[in-house]
Structure formats: structure tokens, C-alpha cells
Amino acid sequence: MNKHLTILLLILLLASCKQQNDYQKIISFLDEKNIQITNYKQLVAINTLGDCLNCNNTFSLEMSAYLEQDSTLFIVSTPGAKIDISPYLKKESSNIILDFRKEFNKLNIINHSSIFKLKESAIDTIIEFDVKNIGSCTLEIK
């Protein structure tokens, strides 16, 4: 019995060592697109997650005002059928990732459209945008 318990514990230990944290998941996602996260101070994730499509649409439109901000990476993880992503489609820029297959959402880091504040090779803060904070999400302009 002890032998089986030891083997089980060893398997669980090995599995937990390979598990990535949220920042590492984002790095892996961006590596596939040849993008370095260290070039950015914040990341904006636009999607249709959560139960407030109007909130996601509002967030998308509010964040489009920051498209010229080179220190912000935008990940548009929706094909745009339910929210307006036209400002992101109109602009060709290296700080916009169009993720129509919603691969970023599959990382299971967030439950809403969000702003990730990045600091010292880590996620400092995640602000998830929903009906409680509609109209209050802003980006640091530097």
C-alpha cells in the first residue's frame, strides 16, 4: 500500500512542477506569435467572456482610444460577431493580436475582458471589466 501511495505522490509532484503560472501561460501564447511580452507594460484582453456583452462592447470601444500606445499589447480574442472590434481591424500594428480562434481565452486566466498591469516580468494586477466597474477602466499612458 505504501508503494502505491509513494508512486501517486510522485506523480502529483511531477505534475504540479510542470504547471505554468498565468504569466508563463501568456508568454507561451505570445511565443507562438513571436511577440515578446517584455516590450509591454500592460496587456488588454478583449473578449466575449462573462455575462455582459454590453460591458465587453463598451470596454472594446474605450480601449480602442489607446491603440497608439506602444507600451500596451491588445489581444482581441473574438471574431467580432457580438462586439465591435472594428477599430482593431482597421489598424495594422504590432501591438494588436487578432485571436479569432479564441486561443487566449482557453488559457483560463480571466473571466471577462481585462487589463493586465505588467511589472518586473510578472503580472502585477488584473482588472476584469464587468458591470460593476463599467466606465472606470483606464490605461496608464507613458
N, C-alpha and C. Protein backbone atom coordinates (compact mmCIF):
# COMPACT_ATOMS: atom_id res chain seq x y z
N MET A 1 0.81 -1.20 0.00
CA MET A 1 0.00 0.00 0.00
C MET A 1 0.86 1.27 0.00
N ASN A 2 1.93 1.27 0.79
CA ASN A 2 2.82 2.44 0.84
C ASN A 2 3.49 2.69 -0.49
N LYS A 3 3.80 1.63 -1.21
CA LYS A 3 4.44 1.77 -2.52
C LYS A 3 3.51 2.51 -3.49
N HIS A 4 2.22 2.17 -3.48
CA HIS A 4 1.25 2.83 -4.35
C HIS A 4 1.06 4.29 -3.96
N LEU A 5 1.06 4.55 -2.68
CA LEU A 5 0.91 5.93 -2.20
C LEU A 5 2.13 6.76 -2.60
N THR A 6 3.30 6.19 -2.49
CA THR A 6 4.53 6.89 -2.88
C THR A 6 4.52 7.20 -4.37
N ILE A 7 4.11 6.26 -5.18
CA ILE A 7 4.05 6.47 -6.63
C ILE A 7 3.04 7.57 -6.96
N LEU A 8 1.88 7.54 -6.31
CA LEU A 8 0.85 8.56 -6.54
C LEU A 8 1.37 9.94 -6.16
N LEU A 9 2.01 10.05 -5.02
CA LEU A 9 2.56 11.34 -4.59
C LEU A 9 3.64 11.83 -5.55
N LEU A 10 4.46 10.94 -6.04
CA LEU A 10 5.49 11.31 -7.00
C LEU A 10 4.88 11.84 -8.30
N ILE A 11 3.85 11.17 -8.77
CA ILE A 11 3.16 11.62 -9.99
C ILE A 11 2.54 12.99 -9.78
N LEU A 12 1.89 13.21 -8.65
CA LEU A 12 1.27 14.51 -8.35
C LEU A 12 2.33 15.61 -8.24
N LEU A 13 3.45 15.29 -7.64
CA LEU A 13 4.53 16.26 -7.51
C LEU A 13 5.08 16.65 -8.88
N LEU A 14 5.32 15.67 -9.73
CA LEU A 14 5.83 15.96 -11.07
C LEU A 14 4.83 16.76 -11.88
N ALA A 15 3.56 16.43 -11.76
CA ALA A 15 2.52 17.17 -12.50
C ALA A 15 2.44 18.61 -12.03
N SER A 16 2.56 18.84 -10.73
CA SER A 16 2.46 20.21 -10.21
C SER A 16 3.68 21.03 -10.59
N CYS A 17 4.83 20.41 -10.75
CA CYS A 17 6.04 21.14 -11.14
C CYS A 17 5.93 21.66 -12.57
N LYS A 18 5.22 20.98 -13.42
CA LYS A 18 5.10 21.37 -14.82
C LYS A 18 4.00 22.40 -15.05
N GLN A 19 3.17 22.64 -14.05
CA GLN A 19 2.06 23.56 -14.22
C GLN A 19 2.59 24.99 -14.33
N GLN A 20 2.11 25.74 -15.31
CA GLN A 20 2.57 27.10 -15.53
C GLN A 20 1.72 28.08 -14.74
N ASN A 21 2.35 29.18 -14.32
CA ASN A 21 1.56 30.25 -13.73
C ASN A 21 0.97 31.09 -14.87
N ASP A 22 0.12 32.04 -14.53
CA ASP A 22 -0.58 32.81 -15.56
C ASP A 22 0.37 33.59 -16.47
N TYR A 23 1.42 34.15 -15.90
CA TYR A 23 2.39 34.90 -16.70
C TYR A 23 3.09 33.98 -17.70
N GLN A 24 3.45 32.79 -17.25
CA GLN A 24 4.10 31.83 -18.14
C GLN A 24 3.15 31.36 -19.24
N LYS A 25 1.87 31.24 -18.93
CA LYS A 25 0.88 30.87 -19.95
C LYS A 25 0.82 31.95 -21.04
N ILE A 26 0.85 33.21 -20.61
CA ILE A 26 0.82 34.31 -21.57
C ILE A 26 2.09 34.31 -22.42
N ILE A 27 3.23 34.09 -21.79
CA ILE A 27 4.50 34.03 -22.53
C ILE A 27 4.43 32.93 -23.60
N SER A 28 3.93 31.77 -23.23
CA SER A 28 3.81 30.66 -24.20
C SER A 28 2.89 31.03 -25.34
N PHE A 29 1.76 31.66 -25.03
CA PHE A 29 0.81 32.11 -26.05
C PHE A 29 1.49 33.09 -27.01
N LEU A 30 2.23 34.05 -26.46
CA LEU A 30 2.88 35.07 -27.28
C LEU A 30 4.08 34.53 -28.05
N ASP A 31 4.78 33.57 -27.47
CA ASP A 31 5.92 32.95 -28.16
C ASP A 31 5.49 32.35 -29.49
N GLU A 32 4.30 31.77 -29.52
CA GLU A 32 3.79 31.18 -30.76
C GLU A 32 3.58 32.23 -31.84
N LYS A 33 3.45 33.49 -31.41
CA LYS A 33 3.22 34.59 -32.35
C LYS A 33 4.48 35.46 -32.50
N ASN A 34 5.60 34.98 -31.94
CA ASN A 34 6.88 35.70 -32.00
C ASN A 34 6.79 37.11 -31.42
N ILE A 35 6.12 37.23 -30.27
CA ILE A 35 5.96 38.51 -29.60
C ILE A 35 6.58 38.39 -28.21
N GLN A 36 7.36 39.40 -27.83
CA GLN A 36 7.99 39.44 -26.52
C GLN A 36 7.14 40.28 -25.57
N ILE A 37 6.70 39.68 -24.49
CA ILE A 37 5.87 40.40 -23.52
C ILE A 37 6.66 41.50 -22.81
N THR A 38 7.97 41.35 -22.74
CA THR A 38 8.79 42.34 -22.05
C THR A 38 8.76 43.71 -22.72
N ASN A 39 8.26 43.78 -23.93
CA ASN A 39 8.14 45.05 -24.64
C ASN A 39 6.94 45.87 -24.17
N TYR A 40 6.11 45.31 -23.28
CA TYR A 40 4.84 45.95 -22.92
C TYR A 40 4.71 46.13 -21.41
N LYS A 41 4.00 47.20 -21.04
CA LYS A 41 3.72 47.48 -19.63
C LYS A 41 2.33 47.02 -19.23
N GLN A 42 1.49 46.81 -20.22
CA GLN A 42 0.14 46.32 -19.96
C GLN A 42 -0.39 45.56 -21.16
N LEU A 43 -1.33 44.72 -20.86
CA LEU A 43 -1.96 43.89 -21.88
C LEU A 43 -3.46 44.06 -21.73
N VAL A 44 -4.14 44.27 -22.83
CA VAL A 44 -5.60 44.41 -22.82
C VAL A 44 -6.17 43.20 -23.54
N ALA A 45 -7.02 42.47 -22.85
CA ALA A 45 -7.67 41.29 -23.44
C ALA A 45 -9.13 41.63 -23.70
N ILE A 46 -9.50 41.61 -24.97
CA ILE A 46 -10.88 41.91 -25.36
C ILE A 46 -11.52 40.60 -25.81
N ASN A 47 -12.66 40.28 -25.21
CA ASN A 47 -13.32 39.01 -25.50
C ASN A 47 -14.82 39.11 -25.23
N THR A 48 -15.51 38.00 -25.35
CA THR A 48 -16.95 37.96 -25.08
C THR A 48 -17.24 37.14 -23.82
N LEU A 49 -16.23 36.96 -22.98
CA LEU A 49 -16.44 36.20 -21.75
C LEU A 49 -17.31 36.99 -20.77
N GLY A 50 -17.88 36.30 -19.82
CA GLY A 50 -18.75 36.94 -18.83
C GLY A 50 -20.18 37.01 -19.34
N ASP A 51 -21.03 37.60 -18.55
CA ASP A 51 -22.45 37.63 -18.90
C ASP A 51 -22.95 39.01 -19.30
N CYS A 52 -22.03 39.92 -19.63
CA CYS A 52 -22.44 41.27 -20.02
C CYS A 52 -21.79 41.65 -21.35
N LEU A 53 -22.47 41.32 -22.44
CA LEU A 53 -21.93 41.66 -23.76
C LEU A 53 -21.83 43.16 -23.96
N ASN A 54 -22.77 43.91 -23.39
CA ASN A 54 -22.71 45.36 -23.48
C ASN A 54 -21.44 45.89 -22.80
N CYS A 55 -21.08 45.28 -21.67
CA CYS A 55 -19.85 45.67 -20.97
C CYS A 55 -18.63 45.41 -21.85
N ASN A 56 -18.59 44.24 -22.48
CA ASN A 56 -17.47 43.90 -23.36
C ASN A 56 -17.38 44.85 -24.54
N ASN A 57 -18.52 45.22 -25.09
CA ASN A 57 -18.55 46.15 -26.21
C ASN A 57 -18.05 47.53 -25.77
N THR A 58 -18.53 47.99 -24.61
CA THR A 58 -18.09 49.27 -24.08
C THR A 58 -16.59 49.26 -23.83
N PHE A 59 -16.10 48.19 -23.22
CA PHE A 59 -14.67 48.05 -22.94
C PHE A 59 -13.86 48.09 -24.24
N SER A 60 -14.30 47.36 -25.24
CA SER A 60 -13.61 47.33 -26.52
C SER A 60 -13.51 48.74 -27.11
N LEU A 61 -14.59 49.46 -27.10
CA LEU A 61 -14.58 50.82 -27.67
C LEU A 61 -13.73 51.77 -26.84
N GLU A 62 -13.81 51.66 -25.50
CA GLU A 62 -12.98 52.52 -24.64
C GLU A 62 -11.49 52.25 -24.85
N MET A 63 -11.13 51.00 -24.94
CA MET A 63 -9.72 50.63 -25.09
C MET A 63 -9.15 51.01 -26.46
N SER A 64 -10.02 51.11 -27.46
CA SER A 64 -9.54 51.47 -28.80
C SER A 64 -8.94 52.88 -28.83
N ALA A 65 -9.27 53.70 -27.85
CA ALA A 65 -8.69 55.04 -27.77
C ALA A 65 -7.19 54.99 -27.44
N TYR A 66 -6.71 53.84 -26.99
CA TYR A 66 -5.32 53.68 -26.58
C TYR A 66 -4.48 52.93 -27.62
N LEU A 67 -4.99 52.72 -28.80
CA LEU A 67 -4.29 51.92 -29.80
C LEU A 67 -2.92 52.48 -30.19
N GLU A 68 -2.73 53.76 -30.05
CA GLU A 68 -1.44 54.39 -30.39
C GLU A 68 -0.41 54.17 -29.30
N GLN A 69 -0.81 53.67 -28.18
CA GLN A 69 0.08 53.49 -27.04
C GLN A 69 0.94 52.23 -27.25
N ASP A 70 2.19 52.42 -27.57
CA ASP A 70 3.08 51.31 -27.90
C ASP A 70 3.40 50.41 -26.71
N SER A 71 3.19 50.88 -25.50
CA SER A 71 3.51 50.07 -24.32
C SER A 71 2.36 49.13 -23.94
N THR A 72 1.31 49.12 -24.76
CA THR A 72 0.15 48.28 -24.48
C THR A 72 -0.03 47.27 -25.61
N LEU A 73 -0.20 46.02 -25.22
CA LEU A 73 -0.48 44.94 -26.17
C LEU A 73 -1.97 44.62 -26.10
N PHE A 74 -2.62 44.59 -27.25
CA PHE A 74 -4.05 44.28 -27.32
C PHE A 74 -4.23 42.88 -27.88
N ILE A 75 -4.97 42.05 -27.16
CA ILE A 75 -5.32 40.73 -27.66
C ILE A 75 -6.83 40.71 -27.85
N VAL A 76 -7.24 40.69 -29.10
CA VAL A 76 -8.66 40.67 -29.44
C VAL A 76 -9.03 39.21 -29.67
N SER A 77 -9.64 38.63 -28.66
CA SER A 77 -9.91 37.19 -28.67
C SER A 77 -11.39 36.93 -28.94
N THR A 78 -11.82 37.38 -30.10
CA THR A 78 -13.20 37.21 -30.55
C THR A 78 -13.24 37.50 -32.05
N PRO A 79 -14.12 36.84 -32.78
CA PRO A 79 -14.24 37.17 -34.21
C PRO A 79 -15.01 38.46 -34.47
N GLY A 80 -15.63 39.02 -33.44
CA GLY A 80 -16.32 40.30 -33.60
C GLY A 80 -17.78 40.20 -33.97
N ALA A 81 -18.36 39.04 -33.87
CA ALA A 81 -19.78 38.90 -34.21
C ALA A 81 -20.68 39.53 -33.15
N LYS A 82 -20.22 39.56 -31.89
CA LYS A 82 -21.07 40.05 -30.81
C LYS A 82 -20.63 41.40 -30.26
N ILE A 83 -19.38 41.77 -30.49
CA ILE A 83 -18.90 43.08 -30.04
C ILE A 83 -18.15 43.77 -31.18
N ASP A 84 -18.10 45.09 -31.12
CA ASP A 84 -17.47 45.87 -32.17
C ASP A 84 -15.96 45.89 -31.99
N ILE A 85 -15.27 45.23 -32.89
CA ILE A 85 -13.80 45.24 -32.86
C ILE A 85 -13.24 45.98 -34.09
N SER A 86 -14.08 46.74 -34.76
CA SER A 86 -13.67 47.40 -36.00
C SER A 86 -12.44 48.30 -35.83
N PRO A 87 -12.27 49.03 -34.71
CA PRO A 87 -11.05 49.85 -34.60
C PRO A 87 -9.76 49.02 -34.65
N TYR A 88 -9.81 47.79 -34.16
CA TYR A 88 -8.64 46.92 -34.15
C TYR A 88 -8.39 46.31 -35.53
N LEU A 89 -9.45 46.13 -36.29
CA LEU A 89 -9.33 45.58 -37.64
C LEU A 89 -8.80 46.63 -38.62
N LYS A 90 -9.14 47.88 -38.36
CA LYS A 90 -8.74 48.96 -39.25
C LYS A 90 -7.27 49.32 -39.12
N LYS A 91 -6.68 49.01 -37.98
CA LYS A 91 -5.30 49.44 -37.72
C LYS A 91 -4.36 48.25 -37.78
N GLU A 92 -3.37 48.34 -38.63
CA GLU A 92 -2.32 47.31 -38.66
C GLU A 92 -1.21 47.77 -37.74
N SER A 93 -0.98 47.01 -36.69
CA SER A 93 0.04 47.40 -35.72
C SER A 93 0.59 46.16 -35.03
N SER A 94 1.84 46.23 -34.64
CA SER A 94 2.47 45.08 -33.96
C SER A 94 1.95 44.89 -32.54
N ASN A 95 1.24 45.87 -32.00
CA ASN A 95 0.71 45.72 -30.65
C ASN A 95 -0.75 45.23 -30.62
N ILE A 96 -1.23 44.71 -31.75
CA ILE A 96 -2.58 44.15 -31.81
C ILE A 96 -2.50 42.70 -32.30
N ILE A 97 -3.05 41.81 -31.50
CA ILE A 97 -3.14 40.40 -31.89
C ILE A 97 -4.61 40.08 -32.12
N LEU A 98 -4.94 39.66 -33.33
CA LEU A 98 -6.30 39.24 -33.64
C LEU A 98 -6.38 37.73 -33.45
N ASP A 99 -7.05 37.33 -32.40
CA ASP A 99 -7.14 35.93 -31.98
C ASP A 99 -8.56 35.43 -32.23
N PHE A 100 -8.93 35.30 -33.49
CA PHE A 100 -10.30 34.93 -33.84
C PHE A 100 -10.69 33.53 -33.37
N ARG A 101 -9.70 32.67 -33.14
CA ARG A 101 -9.99 31.31 -32.66
C ARG A 101 -10.09 31.24 -31.14
N LYS A 102 -9.96 32.36 -30.48
CA LYS A 102 -10.13 32.50 -29.03
C LYS A 102 -9.15 31.62 -28.24
N GLU A 103 -7.94 31.50 -28.74
CA GLU A 103 -6.91 30.70 -28.06
C GLU A 103 -6.53 31.32 -26.71
N PHE A 104 -6.50 32.63 -26.63
CA PHE A 104 -6.15 33.29 -25.36
C PHE A 104 -7.16 32.95 -24.27
N ASN A 105 -8.43 32.89 -24.63
CA ASN A 105 -9.48 32.56 -23.66
C ASN A 105 -9.27 31.17 -23.08
N LYS A 106 -8.71 30.27 -23.88
CA LYS A 106 -8.51 28.89 -23.44
C LYS A 106 -7.42 28.76 -22.38
N LEU A 107 -6.67 29.83 -22.13
CA LEU A 107 -5.67 29.82 -21.07
C LEU A 107 -6.32 29.83 -19.69
N ASN A 108 -7.61 30.19 -19.63
CA ASN A 108 -8.38 30.22 -18.38
C ASN A 108 -7.74 31.10 -17.30
N ILE A 109 -7.34 32.28 -17.71
CA ILE A 109 -6.76 33.23 -16.76
C ILE A 109 -7.81 34.22 -16.27
N ILE A 110 -8.71 34.61 -17.16
CA ILE A 110 -9.70 35.63 -16.84
C ILE A 110 -11.10 35.15 -17.18
N ASN A 111 -12.09 35.87 -16.63
CA ASN A 111 -13.50 35.54 -16.89
C ASN A 111 -14.24 36.68 -17.59
N HIS A 112 -13.54 37.76 -17.89
CA HIS A 112 -14.12 38.94 -18.54
C HIS A 112 -13.04 39.59 -19.40
N SER A 113 -13.41 40.59 -20.17
CA SER A 113 -12.41 41.43 -20.81
C SER A 113 -11.62 42.07 -19.68
N SER A 114 -10.31 42.24 -19.90
CA SER A 114 -9.45 42.63 -18.77
C SER A 114 -8.25 43.46 -19.19
N ILE A 115 -7.69 44.13 -18.18
CA ILE A 115 -6.42 44.82 -18.31
C ILE A 115 -5.43 44.13 -17.38
N PHE A 116 -4.29 43.74 -17.93
CA PHE A 116 -3.21 43.16 -17.14
C PHE A 116 -2.14 44.22 -16.98
N LYS A 117 -1.84 44.61 -15.76
CA LYS A 117 -0.72 45.51 -15.50
C LYS A 117 0.51 44.63 -15.28
N LEU A 118 1.55 44.87 -16.06
CA LEU A 118 2.76 44.06 -16.01
C LEU A 118 3.88 44.83 -15.33
N LYS A 119 4.65 44.11 -14.52
CA LYS A 119 5.74 44.77 -13.81
C LYS A 119 6.81 43.73 -13.47
N GLU A 120 8.04 44.03 -13.83
CA GLU A 120 9.18 43.18 -13.50
C GLU A 120 8.97 41.72 -13.87
N SER A 121 8.62 41.49 -15.11
CA SER A 121 8.43 40.13 -15.64
C SER A 121 7.39 39.32 -14.87
N ALA A 122 6.29 39.99 -14.53
CA ALA A 122 5.19 39.33 -13.83
C ALA A 122 3.91 40.12 -14.04
N ILE A 123 2.80 39.48 -13.72
CA ILE A 123 1.52 40.18 -13.72
C ILE A 123 1.40 40.88 -12.37
N ASP A 124 1.31 42.19 -12.39
CA ASP A 124 1.17 42.96 -11.16
C ASP A 124 -0.29 42.98 -10.71
N THR A 125 -1.19 43.28 -11.65
CA THR A 125 -2.61 43.41 -11.35
C THR A 125 -3.42 42.99 -12.57
N ILE A 126 -4.56 42.37 -12.31
CA ILE A 126 -5.53 42.09 -13.38
C ILE A 126 -6.82 42.80 -13.01
N ILE A 127 -7.29 43.65 -13.90
CA ILE A 127 -8.57 44.33 -13.69
C ILE A 127 -9.56 43.73 -14.68
N GLU A 128 -10.53 42.98 -14.16
CA GLU A 128 -11.54 42.38 -15.02
C GLU A 128 -12.71 43.35 -15.15
N PHE A 129 -13.10 43.57 -16.37
CA PHE A 129 -14.13 44.57 -16.68
C PHE A 129 -15.50 43.90 -16.71
N ASP A 130 -16.40 44.37 -15.87
CA ASP A 130 -17.77 43.85 -15.86
C ASP A 130 -18.73 44.97 -15.48
N VAL A 131 -19.96 44.63 -15.23
CA VAL A 131 -21.00 45.62 -14.96
C VAL A 131 -20.67 46.44 -13.70
N LYS A 132 -19.87 45.91 -12.79
CA LYS A 132 -19.55 46.63 -11.55
C LYS A 132 -18.59 47.79 -11.78
N ASN A 133 -17.75 47.71 -12.77
CA ASN A 133 -16.77 48.79 -12.98
C ASN A 133 -16.84 49.37 -14.39
N ILE A 134 -18.00 49.31 -15.00
CA ILE A 134 -18.17 49.85 -16.35
C ILE A 134 -17.83 51.35 -16.36
N GLY A 135 -17.01 51.74 -17.30
CA GLY A 135 -16.63 53.14 -17.43
C GLY A 135 -15.48 53.57 -16.55
N SER A 136 -14.90 52.65 -15.76
CA SER A 136 -13.84 53.08 -14.85
C SER A 136 -12.48 52.47 -15.18
N CYS A 137 -12.38 51.72 -16.26
CA CYS A 137 -11.09 51.12 -16.63
C CYS A 137 -10.30 52.07 -17.51
N THR A 138 -9.10 52.35 -17.11
CA THR A 138 -8.22 53.20 -17.90
C THR A 138 -6.84 52.57 -17.95
N LEU A 139 -6.06 53.00 -18.90
CA LEU A 139 -4.70 52.53 -19.04
C LEU A 139 -3.74 53.62 -18.60
N GLU A 140 -2.57 53.19 -18.13
CA GLU A 140 -1.51 54.15 -17.82
C GLU A 140 -0.91 54.61 -19.14
N ILE A 141 -0.82 55.88 -19.31
CA ILE A 141 -0.24 56.41 -20.54
C ILE A 141 1.16 56.88 -20.22
N LYS A 142 2.15 56.20 -20.82
CA LYS A 142 3.56 56.52 -20.58
C LYS A 142 4.29 56.51 -21.89
